[in-house]
Amino acid sequence: MRFWLELKTALVLSRKGTVSATAKEIGVHRSTVNRHIDTLEAAFNHRIFQRHARGYALTEAGREIAKVAENADAMFSELQTRQLGAASLTLGTLKITAIAGVAPMLMSAVKSFRMAHPNVKAEFIADTQLLQLEAGEAHVAFRSGPEPREPDYVVQALRPFRFSLYASRDYIDRFGTPRLDSLDTHQFVAPIPERTYPPYQTWFAQNVSAESVVLTSASRYVRYAAICNGIGL
């Protein structure tokens, strides 16, 4: 708002009555108060204050200007109060998405967030599917793979992720220890392809033939049971 600083100064001066008291109230030099009043009077082409021995008194035009400034000051004060109230009473639900295995690494941070914002609930969406942050499907996503290119995303690295092959002792006794140059001689237990996340899916497609996959399941508990029973890697 143009001339808001000057109007604020005039409003305080109308309440305090003297330049020295006004300068002390708003934390400026006396000359700044005088300059603000001169600027307003030049802008409105009217005298705003009558100077007299005891201080400053509003003129007729000054009272009109002070009334507008007072209304604006009240509106700004109300807006500031609302914003501070909203900041201290943050409500709603924070939606976090990640694969289930990442949860143990995140829960201490979730706990700290909840302690700092007790009115905000947390929803943990454990899924391999990529949710659209821009559509509000989630607010924070922990994912492995290439860095997202969406312009509105704020991306930070959490930590390196490693993927390994696992097998039961029974499987190793029957098929031997797997080598990267002879994976086509082995059998595999795998997630359903469309439910895998990019790094695993890319590696799997490049190194394992479809004929080598003997069991698929969307459930990691099912895959774990199959691996423990020696069905595949």
Protein backbone atom coordinates (compact mmCIF):
# COMPACT_ATOMS: atom_id res chain seq x y z
CA MET A 1 0.00 0.00 0.00
CA ARG A 2 1.47 3.36 -1.05
CA PHE A 3 2.16 5.78 1.83
CA TRP A 4 1.32 3.10 4.44
CA LEU A 5 4.41 3.90 6.52
CA GLU A 6 3.56 7.58 6.39
CA LEU A 7 -0.08 6.91 7.27
CA LYS A 8 1.01 4.70 10.18
CA THR A 9 3.24 7.50 11.43
CA ALA A 10 0.39 10.02 11.17
CA LEU A 11 -1.93 7.66 13.06
CA VAL A 12 0.55 7.27 15.91
CA LEU A 13 1.20 11.01 15.96
CA SER A 14 -2.55 11.68 16.24
CA ARG A 15 -2.62 9.41 19.30
CA LYS A 16 0.63 10.53 20.98
CA GLY A 17 0.38 14.23 20.14
CA THR A 18 4.13 14.92 19.95
CA VAL A 19 6.89 14.10 17.48
CA SER A 20 9.23 12.80 20.20
CA ALA A 21 6.64 10.39 21.63
CA THR A 22 5.75 9.17 18.10
CA ALA A 23 9.41 8.62 17.19
CA LYS A 24 9.92 6.59 20.38
CA GLU A 25 6.78 4.53 19.75
CA ILE A 26 7.64 3.46 16.21
CA GLY A 27 11.41 3.36 16.72
CA VAL A 28 12.58 6.05 14.31
CA HIS A 29 14.30 9.45 14.51
CA ARG A 30 12.27 12.62 15.01
CA SER A 31 13.28 13.82 11.55
CA THR A 32 11.71 10.68 10.03
CA VAL A 33 8.38 11.52 11.67
CA ASN A 34 8.49 15.04 10.28
CA ARG A 35 9.45 13.75 6.83
CA HIS A 36 6.53 11.29 6.81
CA ILE A 37 4.06 14.03 7.70
CA ASP A 38 5.50 16.37 5.05
CA THR A 39 5.20 13.58 2.47
CA LEU A 40 1.53 12.98 3.29
CA GLU A 41 0.63 16.65 3.24
CA ALA A 42 2.31 17.04 -0.14
CA ALA A 43 0.56 13.94 -1.51
CA PHE A 44 -2.93 14.98 -0.36
CA ASN A 45 -2.31 18.72 -0.86
CA HIS A 46 -3.79 19.43 2.58
CA ARG A 47 -2.45 20.18 6.02
CA ILE A 48 -3.04 17.13 8.19
CA PHE A 49 -1.88 18.58 11.53
CA GLN A 50 -2.02 21.93 13.24
CA ARG A 51 1.25 22.61 15.05
CA HIS A 52 0.89 24.33 18.41
CA ALA A 53 2.88 24.75 21.59
CA ARG A 54 1.64 21.51 23.19
CA GLY A 55 2.12 19.36 20.12
CA TYR A 56 0.13 18.30 17.05
CA ALA A 57 -3.64 18.22 16.50
CA LEU A 58 -5.49 16.82 13.48
CA THR A 59 -7.12 19.17 11.02
CA GLU A 60 -10.47 18.39 9.39
CA ALA A 61 -8.69 16.69 6.47
CA GLY A 62 -6.35 15.01 8.92
CA ARG A 63 -9.26 13.42 10.80
CA GLU A 64 -10.55 11.88 7.56
CA ILE A 65 -7.12 10.51 6.71
CA ALA A 66 -6.59 9.23 10.26
CA LYS A 67 -9.96 7.43 10.15
CA VAL A 68 -8.93 5.53 7.00
CA ALA A 69 -5.52 4.74 8.49
CA GLU A 70 -7.12 3.48 11.70
CA ASN A 71 -9.47 1.18 9.80
CA ALA A 72 -6.55 -0.20 7.76
CA ASP A 73 -4.48 -0.69 10.92
CA ALA A 74 -7.32 -2.62 12.54
CA MET A 75 -7.69 -4.84 9.47
CA PHE A 76 -3.95 -5.61 9.40
CA SER A 77 -3.97 -6.39 13.11
CA GLU A 78 -6.91 -8.78 12.70
CA LEU A 79 -5.21 -10.49 9.76
CA GLN A 80 -2.00 -10.93 11.74
CA THR A 81 -3.92 -12.40 14.67
CA ARG A 82 -5.66 -14.89 12.38
CA GLN A 83 -2.39 -15.93 10.76
CA LEU A 84 -0.68 -16.45 14.12
CA GLY A 85 -3.67 -18.41 15.36
CA ALA A 86 -3.67 -20.60 12.27
CA ALA A 87 0.05 -21.27 12.65
CA SER A 88 -0.36 -22.38 16.27
CA LEU A 89 -3.42 -24.55 15.56
CA THR A 90 -2.34 -26.41 12.44
CA LEU A 91 -4.92 -29.09 11.72
CA GLY A 92 -5.35 -31.87 9.22
CA THR A 93 -3.56 -35.01 8.12
CA LEU A 94 -0.01 -35.38 6.82
CA LYS A 95 0.02 -38.11 4.16
CA ILE A 96 3.31 -39.98 3.89
CA THR A 97 3.94 -42.62 1.25
CA ALA A 98 6.78 -45.15 1.11
CA ILE A 99 7.38 -48.84 0.73
CA ALA A 100 6.65 -50.69 3.97
CA GLY A 101 10.30 -51.62 4.54
CA VAL A 102 11.28 -47.97 4.92
CA ALA A 103 8.91 -47.39 7.85
CA PRO A 104 11.42 -48.21 10.65
CA MET A 105 13.75 -45.48 9.36
CA LEU A 106 10.99 -42.87 9.32
CA MET A 107 9.04 -43.40 12.53
CA SER A 108 11.36 -41.35 14.77
CA ALA A 109 10.85 -38.39 12.41
CA VAL A 110 7.08 -38.98 12.39
CA LYS A 111 7.12 -39.02 16.19
CA SER A 112 9.06 -35.74 16.33
CA PHE A 113 6.64 -34.15 13.87
CA ARG A 114 3.63 -35.29 15.90
CA MET A 115 5.14 -33.90 19.12
CA ALA A 116 5.76 -30.54 17.42
CA HIS A 117 2.29 -30.50 15.79
CA PRO A 118 -0.08 -32.48 18.05
CA ASN A 119 -3.16 -31.39 16.09
CA VAL A 120 -1.89 -32.97 12.87
CA LYS A 121 -2.57 -36.67 12.30
CA ALA A 122 -0.29 -38.85 10.18
CA GLU A 123 -1.37 -41.31 7.49
CA PHE A 124 1.31 -43.74 6.26
CA ILE A 125 0.48 -45.11 2.82
CA ALA A 126 2.67 -48.22 2.45
CA ASP A 127 2.63 -48.97 -1.27
CA THR A 128 5.03 -49.46 -4.14
CA GLN A 129 2.81 -47.40 -6.43
CA LEU A 130 3.92 -43.83 -7.13
CA LEU A 131 1.37 -41.36 -5.76
CA GLN A 132 0.92 -37.92 -7.29
CA LEU A 133 1.95 -35.24 -4.81
CA GLU A 134 0.62 -32.46 -7.03
CA ALA A 135 -2.83 -34.11 -6.93
CA GLY A 136 -2.82 -34.31 -3.13
CA GLU A 137 -2.60 -38.12 -3.04
CA ALA A 138 0.30 -37.68 -0.60
CA HIS A 139 2.30 -34.79 0.85
CA VAL A 140 5.67 -36.48 1.37
CA ALA A 141 7.01 -39.44 -0.62
CA PHE A 142 10.04 -41.62 0.12
CA ARG A 143 11.00 -43.44 -3.06
CA SER A 144 14.01 -45.16 -4.57
CA GLY A 145 15.00 -44.62 -8.16
CA PRO A 146 15.74 -41.70 -10.47
CA GLU A 147 15.11 -38.17 -9.22
CA PRO A 148 11.61 -36.87 -10.08
CA ARG A 149 11.54 -34.11 -12.70
CA GLU A 150 8.27 -32.45 -11.73
CA PRO A 151 9.08 -28.71 -11.39
CA ASP A 152 7.09 -28.22 -8.17
CA TYR A 153 8.67 -31.13 -6.28
CA VAL A 154 11.30 -30.44 -3.61
CA VAL A 155 13.68 -33.42 -3.81
CA GLN A 156 16.23 -34.41 -1.16
CA ALA A 157 18.36 -37.54 -0.93
CA LEU A 158 17.65 -39.69 2.13
CA ARG A 159 20.26 -42.46 1.89
CA PRO A 160 21.60 -45.06 -0.56
CA PHE A 161 19.45 -48.16 -1.04
CA ARG A 162 20.87 -51.58 -1.82
CA PHE A 163 19.09 -54.56 -3.33
CA SER A 164 20.28 -58.15 -2.93
CA LEU A 165 19.42 -61.69 -3.91
CA TYR A 166 18.31 -64.03 -1.13
CA ALA A 167 17.99 -67.79 -1.01
CA SER A 168 17.46 -70.57 1.52
CA ARG A 169 20.20 -73.06 2.37
CA ASP A 170 18.12 -75.78 0.72
CA TYR A 171 18.03 -73.81 -2.54
CA ILE A 172 21.81 -73.28 -2.48
CA ASP A 173 22.37 -77.00 -1.84
CA ARG A 174 20.25 -77.90 -4.89
CA PHE A 175 21.17 -75.13 -7.37
CA GLY A 176 24.44 -73.70 -6.08
CA THR A 177 25.40 -70.12 -5.25
CA PRO A 178 24.11 -67.72 -7.94
CA ARG A 179 26.52 -65.74 -10.09
CA LEU A 180 25.61 -62.71 -12.17
CA ASP A 181 26.92 -64.39 -15.32
CA SER A 182 24.78 -67.52 -14.86
CA LEU A 183 21.42 -66.32 -13.56
CA ASP A 184 19.60 -68.11 -16.38
CA THR A 185 20.31 -71.41 -14.60
CA HIS A 186 18.37 -70.30 -11.51
CA GLN A 187 14.75 -69.96 -10.47
CA PHE A 188 13.22 -66.78 -9.12
CA VAL A 189 10.44 -65.65 -6.82
CA ALA A 190 9.34 -62.14 -7.78
CA PRO A 191 6.80 -59.38 -7.17
CA ILE A 192 4.07 -58.96 -9.74
CA PRO A 193 5.81 -56.73 -12.33
CA GLU A 194 3.41 -53.80 -12.29
CA ARG A 195 3.75 -53.48 -8.51
CA THR A 196 7.54 -53.21 -8.39
CA TYR A 197 9.41 -49.93 -7.99
CA PRO A 198 11.77 -48.75 -10.73
CA PRO A 199 15.29 -49.81 -9.52
CA TYR A 200 14.27 -53.42 -8.85
CA GLN A 201 12.11 -53.66 -11.95
CA THR A 202 14.87 -52.30 -14.18
CA TRP A 203 17.52 -54.66 -12.80
CA PHE A 204 15.14 -57.63 -12.98
CA ALA A 205 14.19 -56.95 -16.60
CA GLN A 206 17.84 -56.68 -17.61
CA ASN A 207 19.12 -59.77 -15.78
CA VAL A 208 16.31 -62.32 -15.34
CA SER A 209 14.36 -63.99 -18.13
CA ALA A 210 10.61 -64.52 -17.81
CA GLU A 211 11.19 -68.30 -18.05
CA SER A 212 13.28 -68.21 -14.85
CA VAL A 213 10.43 -66.76 -12.75
CA VAL A 214 8.60 -69.69 -11.14
CA LEU A 215 6.39 -67.82 -8.63
CA THR A 216 5.00 -64.29 -8.47
CA SER A 217 2.98 -62.59 -5.73
CA ALA A 218 2.08 -59.07 -4.74
CA SER A 219 2.54 -60.05 -1.07
CA ARG A 220 6.04 -59.88 0.35
CA TYR A 221 4.97 -62.37 3.05
CA VAL A 222 4.10 -64.89 0.35
CA ARG A 223 7.41 -64.27 -1.41
CA TYR A 224 9.30 -64.62 1.86
CA ALA A 225 7.62 -67.96 2.58
CA ALA A 226 8.43 -69.19 -0.93
CA ILE A 227 12.10 -68.18 -0.62
CA CYS A 228 12.44 -69.80 2.82
CA ASN A 229 11.05 -73.03 1.35
CA GLY A 230 13.65 -73.09 -1.42
CA ILE A 231 11.34 -72.38 -4.34
CA GLY A 232 13.61 -69.72 -5.79
CA LEU A 233 15.84 -66.68 -5.36
